[in-house]
Amino acid sequence: MATTPERELAAVSCPHCERETAVSIPNTDVELEVRRSVALFGDHATVACPDGHAFWVYFC
């Protein structure tokens, strides 16, 4: 049975409604930048808040 490595979780606020949302981060040394739109490059995750708003979290 294959196992997946555990990733840390961080809480970010939705830029649309300010509801707190959990996002999986690659490591604890990254800075998180929340954006309403996607950028052309960069390590990121697409996130949806509990109200269904989509936004992007970039790992800097």
PDB file of N, CA and C in Angstrom:
ATOM      1  N   MET A   1       0.837  -1.172   0.000  1.00  0.00           N
ATOM      2  CA  MET A   1       0.000   0.000   0.000  1.00  0.00           C
ATOM      3  C   MET A   1       0.889   1.245   0.000  1.00  0.00           C
ATOM      4  N   ALA A   2       0.639   2.142  -0.911  1.00  0.00           N
ATOM      5  CA  ALA A   2       1.445   3.359  -1.026  1.00  0.00           C
ATOM      6  C   ALA A   2       1.010   4.386   0.016  1.00  0.00           C
ATOM      7  N   THR A   3       1.987   5.088   0.523  1.00  0.00           N
ATOM      8  CA  THR A   3       1.676   6.162   1.464  1.00  0.00           C
ATOM      9  C   THR A   3       2.058   7.493   0.841  1.00  0.00           C
ATOM     10  N   THR A   4       1.362   8.522   1.227  1.00  0.00           N
ATOM     11  CA  THR A   4       1.686   9.853   0.743  1.00  0.00           C
ATOM     12  C   THR A   4       2.323  10.638   1.873  1.00  0.00           C
ATOM     13  N   PRO A   5       3.297  11.457   1.556  1.00  0.00           N
ATOM     14  CA  PRO A   5       3.937  12.237   2.618  1.00  0.00           C
ATOM     15  C   PRO A   5       2.948  13.232   3.219  1.00  0.00           C
ATOM     16  N   GLU A   6       3.055  13.416   4.531  1.00  0.00           N
ATOM     17  CA  GLU A   6       2.177  14.375   5.192  1.00  0.00           C
ATOM     18  C   GLU A   6       2.642  15.783   4.883  1.00  0.00           C
ATOM     19  N   ARG A   7       1.686  16.657   4.621  1.00  0.00           N
ATOM     20  CA  ARG A   7       1.989  18.057   4.358  1.00  0.00           C
ATOM     21  C   ARG A   7       1.370  18.897   5.460  1.00  0.00           C
ATOM     22  N   GLU A   8       1.995  20.012   5.717  1.00  0.00           N
ATOM     23  CA  GLU A   8       1.494  20.938   6.730  1.00  0.00           C
ATOM     24  C   GLU A   8       0.264  21.668   6.198  1.00  0.00           C
ATOM     25  N   LEU A   9      -0.600  22.090   7.110  1.00  0.00           N
ATOM     26  CA  LEU A   9      -1.753  22.907   6.759  1.00  0.00           C
ATOM     27  C   LEU A   9      -1.585  24.294   7.356  1.00  0.00           C
ATOM     28  N   ALA A  10      -2.056  25.283   6.627  1.00  0.00           N
ATOM     29  CA  ALA A  10      -2.052  26.660   7.115  1.00  0.00           C
ATOM     30  C   ALA A  10      -3.435  27.244   6.869  1.00  0.00           C
ATOM     31  N   ALA A  11      -3.816  28.209   7.669  1.00  0.00           N
ATOM     32  CA  ALA A  11      -5.104  28.884   7.509  1.00  0.00           C
ATOM     33  C   ALA A  11      -4.882  30.213   6.794  1.00  0.00           C
ATOM     34  N   VAL A  12      -5.693  30.463   5.771  1.00  0.00           N
ATOM     35  CA  VAL A  12      -5.662  31.735   5.051  1.00  0.00           C
ATOM     36  C   VAL A  12      -7.085  32.276   4.976  1.00  0.00           C
ATOM     37  N   SER A  13      -7.212  33.571   4.778  1.00  0.00           N
ATOM     38  CA  SER A  13      -8.525  34.200   4.641  1.00  0.00           C
ATOM     39  C   SER A  13      -8.876  34.341   3.171  1.00  0.00           C
ATOM     40  N   CYS A  14     -10.108  34.016   2.837  1.00  0.00           N
ATOM     41  CA  CYS A  14     -10.593  34.178   1.469  1.00  0.00           C
ATOM     42  C   CYS A  14     -10.593  35.668   1.125  1.00  0.00           C
ATOM     43  N   PRO A  15     -10.044  36.053  -0.036  1.00  0.00           N
ATOM     44  CA  PRO A  15     -10.020  37.473  -0.397  1.00  0.00           C
ATOM     45  C   PRO A  15     -11.395  38.017  -0.789  1.00  0.00           C
ATOM     46  N   HIS A  16     -12.372  37.137  -0.983  1.00  0.00           N
ATOM     47  CA  HIS A  16     -13.715  37.560  -1.368  1.00  0.00           C
ATOM     48  C   HIS A  16     -14.617  37.791  -0.155  1.00  0.00           C
ATOM     49  N   CYS A  17     -14.572  36.861   0.814  1.00  0.00           N
ATOM     50  CA  CYS A  17     -15.509  36.931   1.944  1.00  0.00           C
ATOM     51  C   CYS A  17     -14.825  36.892   3.308  1.00  0.00           C
ATOM     52  N   GLU A  18     -13.494  36.743   3.329  1.00  0.00           N
ATOM     53  CA  GLU A  18     -12.696  36.717   4.567  1.00  0.00           C
ATOM     54  C   GLU A  18     -12.903  35.464   5.425  1.00  0.00           C
ATOM     55  N   ARG A  19     -13.576  34.427   4.907  1.00  0.00           N
ATOM     56  CA  ARG A  19     -13.727  33.191   5.677  1.00  0.00           C
ATOM     57  C   ARG A  19     -12.405  32.448   5.701  1.00  0.00           C
ATOM     58  N   GLU A  20     -12.075  31.898   6.849  1.00  0.00           N
ATOM     59  CA  GLU A  20     -10.822  31.161   7.011  1.00  0.00           C
ATOM     60  C   GLU A  20     -10.912  29.833   6.263  1.00  0.00           C
ATOM     61  N   THR A  21      -9.834  29.505   5.557  1.00  0.00           N
ATOM     62  CA  THR A  21      -9.771  28.302   4.740  1.00  0.00           C
ATOM     63  C   THR A  21      -8.422  27.631   4.949  1.00  0.00           C
ATOM     64  N   ALA A  22      -8.413  26.310   5.047  1.00  0.00           N
ATOM     65  CA  ALA A  22      -7.165  25.559   5.219  1.00  0.00           C
ATOM     66  C   ALA A  22      -6.549  25.277   3.853  1.00  0.00           C
ATOM     67  N   VAL A  23      -5.236  25.412   3.778  1.00  0.00           N
ATOM     68  CA  VAL A  23      -4.507  25.117   2.553  1.00  0.00           C
ATOM     69  C   VAL A  23      -3.284  24.278   2.913  1.00  0.00           C
ATOM     70  N   SER A  24      -2.994  23.286   2.074  1.00  0.00           N
ATOM     71  CA  SER A  24      -1.825  22.436   2.265  1.00  0.00           C
ATOM     72  C   SER A  24      -0.600  23.169   1.734  1.00  0.00           C
ATOM     73  N   ILE A  25       0.456  23.237   2.559  1.00  0.00           N
ATOM     74  CA  ILE A  25       1.670  23.947   2.149  1.00  0.00           C
ATOM     75  C   ILE A  25       2.829  22.958   2.021  1.00  0.00           C
ATOM     76  N   PRO A  26       3.781  23.223   1.109  1.00  0.00           N
ATOM     77  CA  PRO A  26       4.884  22.280   0.891  1.00  0.00           C
ATOM     78  C   PRO A  26       5.827  22.159   2.083  1.00  0.00           C
ATOM     79  N   ASN A  27       6.052  23.246   2.816  1.00  0.00           N
ATOM     80  CA  ASN A  27       6.872  23.214   4.030  1.00  0.00           C
ATOM     81  C   ASN A  27       6.579  24.459   4.856  1.00  0.00           C
ATOM     82  N   THR A  28       7.043  24.461   6.079  1.00  0.00           N
ATOM     83  CA  THR A  28       6.722  25.561   6.989  1.00  0.00           C
ATOM     84  C   THR A  28       7.571  26.805   6.766  1.00  0.00           C
ATOM     85  N   ASP A  29       8.563  26.729   5.886  1.00  0.00           N
ATOM     86  CA  ASP A  29       9.449  27.866   5.639  1.00  0.00           C
ATOM     87  C   ASP A  29       8.942  28.821   4.562  1.00  0.00           C
ATOM     88  N   VAL A  30       7.806  28.532   3.944  1.00  0.00           N
ATOM     89  CA  VAL A  30       7.314  29.382   2.861  1.00  0.00           C
ATOM     90  C   VAL A  30       6.447  30.513   3.400  1.00  0.00           C
ATOM     91  N   GLU A  31       6.437  31.610   2.656  1.00  0.00           N
ATOM     92  CA  GLU A  31       5.508  32.699   2.930  1.00  0.00           C
ATOM     93  C   GLU A  31       4.324  32.525   1.988  1.00  0.00           C
ATOM     94  N   LEU A  32       3.123  32.776   2.493  1.00  0.00           N
ATOM     95  CA  LEU A  32       1.921  32.604   1.691  1.00  0.00           C
ATOM     96  C   LEU A  32       1.438  33.948   1.172  1.00  0.00           C
ATOM     97  N   GLU A  33       1.066  33.972  -0.100  1.00  0.00           N
ATOM     98  CA  GLU A  33       0.496  35.170  -0.705  1.00  0.00           C
ATOM     99  C   GLU A  33      -0.823  34.775  -1.354  1.00  0.00           C
ATOM    100  N   VAL A  34      -1.911  35.396  -0.924  1.00  0.00           N
ATOM    101  CA  VAL A  34      -3.252  35.082  -1.421  1.00  0.00           C
ATOM    102  C   VAL A  34      -3.599  36.056  -2.536  1.00  0.00           C
ATOM    103  N   ARG A  35      -4.139  35.510  -3.643  1.00  0.00           N
ATOM    104  CA  ARG A  35      -4.530  36.346  -4.783  1.00  0.00           C
ATOM    105  C   ARG A  35      -5.888  35.908  -5.308  1.00  0.00           C
ATOM    106  N   ARG A  36      -6.607  36.871  -5.868  1.00  0.00           N
ATOM    107  CA  ARG A  36      -7.904  36.578  -6.492  1.00  0.00           C
ATOM    108  C   ARG A  36      -7.747  36.014  -7.898  1.00  0.00           C
ATOM    109  N   SER A  37      -6.597  36.232  -8.518  1.00  0.00           N
ATOM    110  CA  SER A  37      -6.390  35.756  -9.884  1.00  0.00           C
ATOM    111  C   SER A  37      -5.086  34.977  -9.973  1.00  0.00           C
ATOM    112  N   VAL A  38      -4.994  34.158 -11.005  1.00  0.00           N
ATOM    113  CA  VAL A  38      -3.825  33.311 -11.182  1.00  0.00           C
ATOM    114  C   VAL A  38      -2.716  34.103 -11.873  1.00  0.00           C
ATOM    115  N   ALA A  39      -1.482  33.833 -11.487  1.00  0.00           N
ATOM    116  CA  ALA A  39      -0.318  34.454 -12.122  1.00  0.00           C
ATOM    117  C   ALA A  39       0.220  33.514 -13.199  1.00  0.00           C
ATOM    118  N   LEU A  40       1.113  34.011 -14.007  1.00  0.00           N
ATOM    119  CA  LEU A  40       1.652  33.211 -15.100  1.00  0.00           C
ATOM    120  C   LEU A  40       2.614  32.128 -14.635  1.00  0.00           C
ATOM    121  N   PHE A  41       3.218  32.291 -13.469  1.00  0.00           N
ATOM    122  CA  PHE A  41       4.191  31.311 -12.999  1.00  0.00           C
ATOM    123  C   PHE A  41       4.232  31.327 -11.485  1.00  0.00           C
ATOM    124  N   GLY A  42       4.901  30.336 -10.923  1.00  0.00           N
ATOM    125  CA  GLY A  42       5.080  30.266  -9.474  1.00  0.00           C
ATOM    126  C   GLY A  42       4.405  29.039  -8.887  1.00  0.00           C
ATOM    127  N   ASP A  43       4.958  28.560  -7.795  1.00  0.00           N
ATOM    128  CA  ASP A  43       4.404  27.417  -7.085  1.00  0.00           C
ATOM    129  C   ASP A  43       3.165  27.885  -6.333  1.00  0.00           C
ATOM    130  N   HIS A  44       2.014  27.269  -6.615  1.00  0.00           N
ATOM    131  CA  HIS A  44       0.772  27.731  -6.022  1.00  0.00           C
ATOM    132  C   HIS A  44      -0.226  26.595  -5.838  1.00  0.00           C
ATOM    133  N   ALA A  45      -1.307  26.894  -5.154  1.00  0.00           N
ATOM    134  CA  ALA A  45      -2.425  25.967  -4.989  1.00  0.00           C
ATOM    135  C   ALA A  45      -3.707  26.732  -5.292  1.00  0.00           C
ATOM    136  N   THR A  46      -4.649  26.066  -5.947  1.00  0.00           N
ATOM    137  CA  THR A  46      -5.969  26.635  -6.160  1.00  0.00           C
ATOM    138  C   THR A  46      -6.834  26.202  -4.991  1.00  0.00           C
ATOM    139  N   VAL A  47      -7.508  27.154  -4.354  1.00  0.00           N
ATOM    140  CA  VAL A  47      -8.248  26.897  -3.123  1.00  0.00           C
ATOM    141  C   VAL A  47      -9.683  27.369  -3.301  1.00  0.00           C
ATOM    142  N   ALA A  48     -10.620  26.689  -2.646  1.00  0.00           N
ATOM    143  CA  ALA A  48     -12.015  27.131  -2.596  1.00  0.00           C
ATOM    144  C   ALA A  48     -12.413  27.257  -1.135  1.00  0.00           C
ATOM    145  N   CYS A  49     -12.997  28.392  -0.783  1.00  0.00           N
ATOM    146  CA  CYS A  49     -13.424  28.617   0.599  1.00  0.00           C
ATOM    147  C   CYS A  49     -14.750  27.891   0.847  1.00  0.00           C
ATOM    148  N   PRO A  50     -15.223  27.835   2.088  1.00  0.00           N
ATOM    149  CA  PRO A  50     -16.500  27.173   2.382  1.00  0.00           C
ATOM    150  C   PRO A  50     -17.689  27.769   1.617  1.00  0.00           C
ATOM    151  N   ASP A  51     -17.590  29.032   1.186  1.00  0.00           N
ATOM    152  CA  ASP A  51     -18.669  29.649   0.406  1.00  0.00           C
ATOM    153  C   ASP A  51     -18.527  29.394  -1.091  1.00  0.00           C
ATOM    154  N   GLY A  52     -17.464  28.680  -1.506  1.00  0.00           N
ATOM    155  CA  GLY A  52     -17.287  28.322  -2.908  1.00  0.00           C
ATOM    156  C   GLY A  52     -16.491  29.307  -3.742  1.00  0.00           C
ATOM    157  N   HIS A  53     -15.914  30.330  -3.138  1.00  0.00           N
ATOM    158  CA  HIS A  53     -15.081  31.277  -3.882  1.00  0.00           C
ATOM    159  C   HIS A  53     -13.730  30.642  -4.197  1.00  0.00           C
ATOM    160  N   ALA A  54     -13.304  30.745  -5.447  1.00  0.00           N
ATOM    161  CA  ALA A  54     -12.001  30.213  -5.846  1.00  0.00           C
ATOM    162  C   ALA A  54     -10.953  31.315  -5.758  1.00  0.00           C
ATOM    163  N   PHE A  55      -9.772  30.949  -5.255  1.00  0.00           N
ATOM    164  CA  PHE A  55      -8.648  31.874  -5.217  1.00  0.00           C
ATOM    165  C   PHE A  55      -7.364  31.076  -5.215  1.00  0.00           C
ATOM    166  N   TRP A  56      -6.231  31.764  -5.333  1.00  0.00           N
ATOM    167  CA  TRP A  56      -4.936  31.115  -5.455  1.00  0.00           C
ATOM    168  C   TRP A  56      -4.036  31.518  -4.304  1.00  0.00           C
ATOM    169  N   VAL A  57      -3.289  30.546  -3.808  1.00  0.00           N
ATOM    170  CA  VAL A  57      -2.314  30.797  -2.752  1.00  0.00           C
ATOM    171  C   VAL A  57      -0.943  30.457  -3.321  1.00  0.00           C
ATOM    172  N   TYR A  58      -0.039  31.437  -3.291  1.00  0.00           N
ATOM    173  CA  TYR A  58       1.315  31.266  -3.809  1.00  0.00           C
ATOM    174  C   TYR A  58       2.283  31.036  -2.669  1.00  0.00           C
ATOM    175  N   PHE A  59       3.256  30.161  -2.904  1.00  0.00           N
ATOM    176  CA  PHE A  59       4.272  29.817  -1.914  1.00  0.00           C
ATOM    177  C   PHE A  59       5.561  30.538  -2.285  1.00  0.00           C
ATOM    178  N   CYS A  60       5.940  31.532  -1.508  1.00  0.00           N
ATOM    179  CA  CYS A  60       7.135  32.339  -1.800  1.00  0.00           C
ATOM    180  C   CYS A  60       8.276  31.942  -0.896  1.00  0.00           C
TER     181      CYS A  60
END
